[in-house]
Amino acid sequence: MQYICKYQSPLGGITVSADGNNLTGLWFDGQKYFAATLPAAHEEKQLPVFDQTQRWLDCYFSGKNPGFTPPLRPEGSPFRQAVWKILLQIPYGETITYKDIAEEIARQQGKQTMSAQAIGGAVGHNPISIIIPCHRVVGSDGSLTGYAGGIPKKVGLLTLEQANMSGLFIPEK
């Protein structure tokens, strides 16, 4: 059984899901791929993992590095899991490029190259936003692209973390 709880952040409503013990999803309400891994049969219930997650989010949205991670169990292919593991290693307030992640995945897999677009797909389908910090991934040219929650939320999260935004830009459509 999957369970959900709601959280109100300064950037909008958030829905959080868990399997009872581990976090399985965290989405801004209405974002792209919202609740994509959440089964139709779920119930709203307060759980210890939600208490941990709410403490994490309260600390995070107060502008501090929470310094801990609630137990996570994102659902995805081995490739996506490998990408999400790299995302978890990006330090608070810092950014990395899709190209950097592609090079690291290629190295791990013993390949010469890896498609940055494939990395973008894995990053974009991250079911536990913010905590698995997909907002910290930027284009190699400094473009702020590819955040399922929307570019304004990506900018808001990076600003909250006091990331160095010089050299980063929102591409024109």
C-alpha atoms as a PDB file:
ATOM      1  CA  MET A   1       0.000   0.000   0.000  1.00  0.00           C
ATOM      2  CA  GLN A   2       1.150   3.525  -0.778  1.00  0.00           C
ATOM      3  CA  TYR A   3       0.411   6.481   1.476  1.00  0.00           C
ATOM      4  CA  ILE A   4       0.469  10.216   0.888  1.00  0.00           C
ATOM      5  CA  CYS A   5       0.648  13.423   2.842  1.00  0.00           C
ATOM      6  CA  LYS A   6       0.538  17.058   1.790  1.00  0.00           C
ATOM      7  CA  TYR A   7       3.064  19.781   2.532  1.00  0.00           C
ATOM      8  CA  GLN A   8       2.747  23.508   1.879  1.00  0.00           C
ATOM      9  CA  SER A   9       6.063  25.038   0.792  1.00  0.00           C
ATOM     10  CA  PRO A  10       6.882  28.678  -0.002  1.00  0.00           C
ATOM     11  CA  LEU A  11       6.999  27.584  -3.679  1.00  0.00           C
ATOM     12  CA  GLY A  12       3.629  25.800  -3.662  1.00  0.00           C
ATOM     13  CA  GLY A  13       1.871  22.655  -2.530  1.00  0.00           C
ATOM     14  CA  ILE A  14       3.783  19.383  -2.422  1.00  0.00           C
ATOM     15  CA  THR A  15       2.468  15.824  -2.378  1.00  0.00           C
ATOM     16  CA  VAL A  16       4.667  13.229  -0.683  1.00  0.00           C
ATOM     17  CA  SER A  17       4.250   9.447  -0.995  1.00  0.00           C
ATOM     18  CA  ALA A  18       5.681   6.497   0.923  1.00  0.00           C
ATOM     19  CA  ASP A  19       5.424   2.719   1.072  1.00  0.00           C
ATOM     20  CA  GLY A  20       5.034   2.835   4.841  1.00  0.00           C
ATOM     21  CA  ASN A  21       8.730   3.060   5.716  1.00  0.00           C
ATOM     22  CA  ASN A  22      10.452   4.770   2.765  1.00  0.00           C
ATOM     23  CA  LEU A  23       9.773   7.866   0.721  1.00  0.00           C
ATOM     24  CA  THR A  24       8.691   6.905  -2.809  1.00  0.00           C
ATOM     25  CA  GLY A  25       7.630  10.256  -4.242  1.00  0.00           C
ATOM     26  CA  LEU A  26       7.726  14.009  -3.737  1.00  0.00           C
ATOM     27  CA  TRP A  27       6.157  16.285  -6.335  1.00  0.00           C
ATOM     28  CA  PHE A  28       5.122  19.893  -6.613  1.00  0.00           C
ATOM     29  CA  ASP A  29       1.378  19.793  -7.137  1.00  0.00           C
ATOM     30  CA  GLY A  30       0.645  19.901 -10.869  1.00  0.00           C
ATOM     31  CA  GLN A  31       4.224  19.367 -12.044  1.00  0.00           C
ATOM     32  CA  LYS A  32       5.085  17.324 -15.122  1.00  0.00           C
ATOM     33  CA  TYR A  33       4.951  13.590 -14.303  1.00  0.00           C
ATOM     34  CA  PHE A  34       3.029  14.441 -11.106  1.00  0.00           C
ATOM     35  CA  ALA A  35       2.537  11.252  -9.074  1.00  0.00           C
ATOM     36  CA  ALA A  36       3.684   9.131 -12.036  1.00  0.00           C
ATOM     37  CA  THR A  37       4.837   6.341  -9.704  1.00  0.00           C
ATOM     38  CA  LEU A  38       1.881   6.620  -7.312  1.00  0.00           C
ATOM     39  CA  PRO A  39      -0.726   3.855  -7.716  1.00  0.00           C
ATOM     40  CA  ALA A  40      -4.399   4.824  -7.880  1.00  0.00           C
ATOM     41  CA  ALA A  41      -4.983   2.862  -4.657  1.00  0.00           C
ATOM     42  CA  HIS A  42      -3.362   4.941  -1.904  1.00  0.00           C
ATOM     43  CA  GLU A  43      -4.485   6.620   1.269  1.00  0.00           C
ATOM     44  CA  GLU A  44      -3.623   9.748   3.204  1.00  0.00           C
ATOM     45  CA  LYS A  45      -2.019   8.839   6.518  1.00  0.00           C
ATOM     46  CA  GLN A  46       0.570  10.344   8.837  1.00  0.00           C
ATOM     47  CA  LEU A  47       3.661   8.109   9.129  1.00  0.00           C
ATOM     48  CA  PRO A  48       7.085   8.473  10.808  1.00  0.00           C
ATOM     49  CA  VAL A  49       8.731   8.755   7.364  1.00  0.00           C
ATOM     50  CA  PHE A  50       6.419  11.714   6.629  1.00  0.00           C
ATOM     51  CA  ASP A  51       7.409  13.316   9.957  1.00  0.00           C
ATOM     52  CA  GLN A  52      11.103  12.965   8.939  1.00  0.00           C
ATOM     53  CA  THR A  53      10.347  14.365   5.483  1.00  0.00           C
ATOM     54  CA  GLN A  54       8.431  17.318   6.910  1.00  0.00           C
ATOM     55  CA  ARG A  55      11.371  18.090   9.246  1.00  0.00           C
ATOM     56  CA  TRP A  56      13.702  17.878   6.226  1.00  0.00           C
ATOM     57  CA  LEU A  57      11.477  20.194   4.166  1.00  0.00           C
ATOM     58  CA  ASP A  58      11.010  22.678   7.059  1.00  0.00           C
ATOM     59  CA  CYS A  59      14.790  22.895   7.472  1.00  0.00           C
ATOM     60  CA  TYR A  60      15.374  23.106   3.707  1.00  0.00           C
ATOM     61  CA  PHE A  61      12.786  25.838   3.129  1.00  0.00           C
ATOM     62  CA  SER A  62      14.226  27.831   6.038  1.00  0.00           C
ATOM     63  CA  GLY A  63      17.374  28.128   3.870  1.00  0.00           C
ATOM     64  CA  LYS A  64      19.498  25.519   5.640  1.00  0.00           C
ATOM     65  CA  ASN A  65      21.083  22.268   4.508  1.00  0.00           C
ATOM     66  CA  PRO A  66      19.055  19.614   6.391  1.00  0.00           C
ATOM     67  CA  GLY A  67      22.156  17.435   6.889  1.00  0.00           C
ATOM     68  CA  PHE A  68      20.183  14.180   6.742  1.00  0.00           C
ATOM     69  CA  THR A  69      18.093  12.301   4.197  1.00  0.00           C
ATOM     70  CA  PRO A  70      14.839  10.486   4.959  1.00  0.00           C
ATOM     71  CA  PRO A  71      14.822   6.822   3.845  1.00  0.00           C
ATOM     72  CA  LEU A  72      14.293   6.765   0.069  1.00  0.00           C
ATOM     73  CA  ARG A  73      12.996   4.122  -2.321  1.00  0.00           C
ATOM     74  CA  PRO A  74      12.472   5.711  -5.748  1.00  0.00           C
ATOM     75  CA  GLU A  75      11.035   3.377  -8.369  1.00  0.00           C
ATOM     76  CA  GLY A  76      12.895   3.259 -11.661  1.00  0.00           C
ATOM     77  CA  SER A  77      15.136   1.284 -13.996  1.00  0.00           C
ATOM     78  CA  PRO A  78      18.736   0.478 -13.022  1.00  0.00           C
ATOM     79  CA  PHE A  79      19.875   3.270 -15.378  1.00  0.00           C
ATOM     80  CA  ARG A  80      17.630   5.831 -13.691  1.00  0.00           C
ATOM     81  CA  GLN A  81      18.702   4.578 -10.247  1.00  0.00           C
ATOM     82  CA  ALA A  82      22.360   5.149 -11.226  1.00  0.00           C
ATOM     83  CA  VAL A  83      21.582   8.710 -12.337  1.00  0.00           C
ATOM     84  CA  TRP A  84      19.583   9.459  -9.163  1.00  0.00           C
ATOM     85  CA  LYS A  85      22.459   8.141  -7.052  1.00  0.00           C
ATOM     86  CA  ILE A  86      24.712  10.752  -8.691  1.00  0.00           C
ATOM     87  CA  LEU A  87      22.111  13.464  -8.039  1.00  0.00           C
ATOM     88  CA  LEU A  88      22.200  12.602  -4.323  1.00  0.00           C
ATOM     89  CA  GLN A  89      25.936  13.361  -4.337  1.00  0.00           C
ATOM     90  CA  ILE A  90      25.564  16.945  -5.630  1.00  0.00           C
ATOM     91  CA  PRO A  91      26.380  19.215  -2.665  1.00  0.00           C
ATOM     92  CA  TYR A  92      23.785  21.662  -1.343  1.00  0.00           C
ATOM     93  CA  GLY A  93      24.051  24.985  -3.171  1.00  0.00           C
ATOM     94  CA  GLU A  94      26.096  23.596  -6.075  1.00  0.00           C
ATOM     95  CA  THR A  95      25.227  22.589  -9.629  1.00  0.00           C
ATOM     96  CA  ILE A  96      26.401  19.954 -12.080  1.00  0.00           C
ATOM     97  CA  THR A  97      25.741  19.607 -15.812  1.00  0.00           C
ATOM     98  CA  TYR A  98      23.895  16.896 -17.698  1.00  0.00           C
ATOM     99  CA  LYS A  99      27.186  16.362 -19.551  1.00  0.00           C
ATOM    100  CA  ASP A 100      29.052  15.783 -16.255  1.00  0.00           C
ATOM    101  CA  ILE A 101      26.511  13.133 -15.264  1.00  0.00           C
ATOM    102  CA  ALA A 102      26.696  11.535 -18.733  1.00  0.00           C
ATOM    103  CA  GLU A 103      30.487  11.295 -18.443  1.00  0.00           C
ATOM    104  CA  GLU A 104      30.230   9.705 -14.981  1.00  0.00           C
ATOM    105  CA  ILE A 105      27.599   7.157 -16.082  1.00  0.00           C
ATOM    106  CA  ALA A 106      29.715   6.307 -19.151  1.00  0.00           C
ATOM    107  CA  ARG A 107      32.730   5.803 -16.871  1.00  0.00           C
ATOM    108  CA  GLN A 108      30.701   3.576 -14.504  1.00  0.00           C
ATOM    109  CA  GLN A 109      29.432   1.492 -17.414  1.00  0.00           C
ATOM    110  CA  GLY A 110      32.808   1.254 -19.146  1.00  0.00           C
ATOM    111  CA  LYS A 111      31.556   3.140 -22.213  1.00  0.00           C
ATOM    112  CA  GLN A 112      33.227   5.873 -24.241  1.00  0.00           C
ATOM    113  CA  THR A 113      30.188   8.146 -24.211  1.00  0.00           C
ATOM    114  CA  MET A 114      26.664   8.471 -22.873  1.00  0.00           C
ATOM    115  CA  SER A 115      23.843  10.568 -24.272  1.00  0.00           C
ATOM    116  CA  ALA A 116      23.141  13.736 -22.284  1.00  0.00           C
ATOM    117  CA  GLN A 117      19.525  13.399 -23.531  1.00  0.00           C
ATOM    118  CA  ALA A 118      19.254   9.980 -21.858  1.00  0.00           C
ATOM    119  CA  ILE A 119      20.545  11.577 -18.675  1.00  0.00           C
ATOM    120  CA  GLY A 120      17.984  14.363 -19.075  1.00  0.00           C
ATOM    121  CA  GLY A 121      15.200  11.785 -19.306  1.00  0.00           C
ATOM    122  CA  ALA A 122      16.340  10.088 -16.093  1.00  0.00           C
ATOM    123  CA  VAL A 123      16.753  13.405 -14.278  1.00  0.00           C
ATOM    124  CA  GLY A 124      13.330  14.591 -15.480  1.00  0.00           C
ATOM    125  CA  HIS A 125      11.612  11.432 -14.230  1.00  0.00           C
ATOM    126  CA  ASN A 126      13.102  11.674 -10.732  1.00  0.00           C
ATOM    127  CA  PRO A 127      10.103  10.836  -8.518  1.00  0.00           C
ATOM    128  CA  ILE A 128      11.515  12.434  -5.341  1.00  0.00           C
ATOM    129  CA  SER A 129      12.185  16.046  -6.286  1.00  0.00           C
ATOM    130  CA  ILE A 130      14.091  18.429  -4.062  1.00  0.00           C
ATOM    131  CA  ILE A 131      15.459  15.659  -1.772  1.00  0.00           C
ATOM    132  CA  ILE A 132      16.990  13.918  -4.810  1.00  0.00           C
ATOM    133  CA  PRO A 133      18.164  17.301  -6.104  1.00  0.00           C
ATOM    134  CA  CYS A 134      17.413  17.254  -9.821  1.00  0.00           C
ATOM    135  CA  HIS A 135      17.050  21.068  -9.654  1.00  0.00           C
ATOM    136  CA  ARG A 136      20.858  21.246  -9.300  1.00  0.00           C
ATOM    137  CA  VAL A 137      21.413  19.946 -12.843  1.00  0.00           C
ATOM    138  CA  VAL A 138      21.988  22.569 -15.540  1.00  0.00           C
ATOM    139  CA  GLY A 139      22.939  22.635 -19.196  1.00  0.00           C
ATOM    140  CA  SER A 140      26.659  22.657 -20.023  1.00  0.00           C
ATOM    141  CA  ASP A 141      26.187  26.183 -21.397  1.00  0.00           C
ATOM    142  CA  GLY A 142      24.688  27.333 -18.063  1.00  0.00           C
ATOM    143  CA  SER A 143      21.090  27.118 -19.220  1.00  0.00           C
ATOM    144  CA  LEU A 144      18.456  26.413 -16.586  1.00  0.00           C
ATOM    145  CA  THR A 145      16.429  23.786 -18.389  1.00  0.00           C
ATOM    146  CA  GLY A 146      14.586  20.581 -17.779  1.00  0.00           C
ATOM    147  CA  TYR A 147      12.920  20.895 -14.378  1.00  0.00           C
ATOM    148  CA  ALA A 148       9.588  19.059 -14.206  1.00  0.00           C
ATOM    149  CA  GLY A 149       8.393  21.486 -11.512  1.00  0.00           C
ATOM    150  CA  GLY A 150       8.991  24.402 -13.876  1.00  0.00           C
ATOM    151  CA  ILE A 151      11.924  26.753 -14.353  1.00  0.00           C
ATOM    152  CA  PRO A 152      10.640  29.353 -11.819  1.00  0.00           C
ATOM    153  CA  LYS A 153      10.687  26.666  -9.095  1.00  0.00           C
ATOM    154  CA  LYS A 154      14.176  25.537 -10.175  1.00  0.00           C
ATOM    155  CA  VAL A 155      15.383  29.144  -9.867  1.00  0.00           C
ATOM    156  CA  GLY A 156      13.616  29.452  -6.506  1.00  0.00           C
ATOM    157  CA  LEU A 157      15.266  26.304  -5.141  1.00  0.00           C
ATOM    158  CA  LEU A 158      18.748  27.303  -6.339  1.00  0.00           C
ATOM    159  CA  THR A 159      18.244  30.808  -4.933  1.00  0.00           C
ATOM    160  CA  LEU A 160      17.126  29.356  -1.591  1.00  0.00           C
ATOM    161  CA  GLU A 161      20.356  27.303  -1.506  1.00  0.00           C
ATOM    162  CA  GLN A 162      22.342  30.454  -2.339  1.00  0.00           C
ATOM    163  CA  ALA A 163      23.834  28.699  -5.367  1.00  0.00           C
ATOM    164  CA  ASN A 164      26.159  30.764  -7.522  1.00  0.00           C
ATOM    165  CA  MET A 165      23.766  31.865 -10.270  1.00  0.00           C
ATOM    166  CA  SER A 166      26.331  33.875 -12.239  1.00  0.00           C
ATOM    167  CA  GLY A 167      26.743  32.223 -15.613  1.00  0.00           C
ATOM    168  CA  LEU A 168      23.318  30.551 -15.387  1.00  0.00           C
ATOM    169  CA  PHE A 169      20.449  31.755 -17.548  1.00  0.00           C
ATOM    170  CA  ILE A 170      16.898  30.919 -18.562  1.00  0.00           C
ATOM    171  CA  PRO A 171      16.890  30.124 -22.287  1.00  0.00           C
ATOM    172  CA  GLU A 172      14.495  32.017 -24.535  1.00  0.00           C
ATOM    173  CA  LYS A 173      11.718  29.958 -26.041  1.00  0.00           C
END
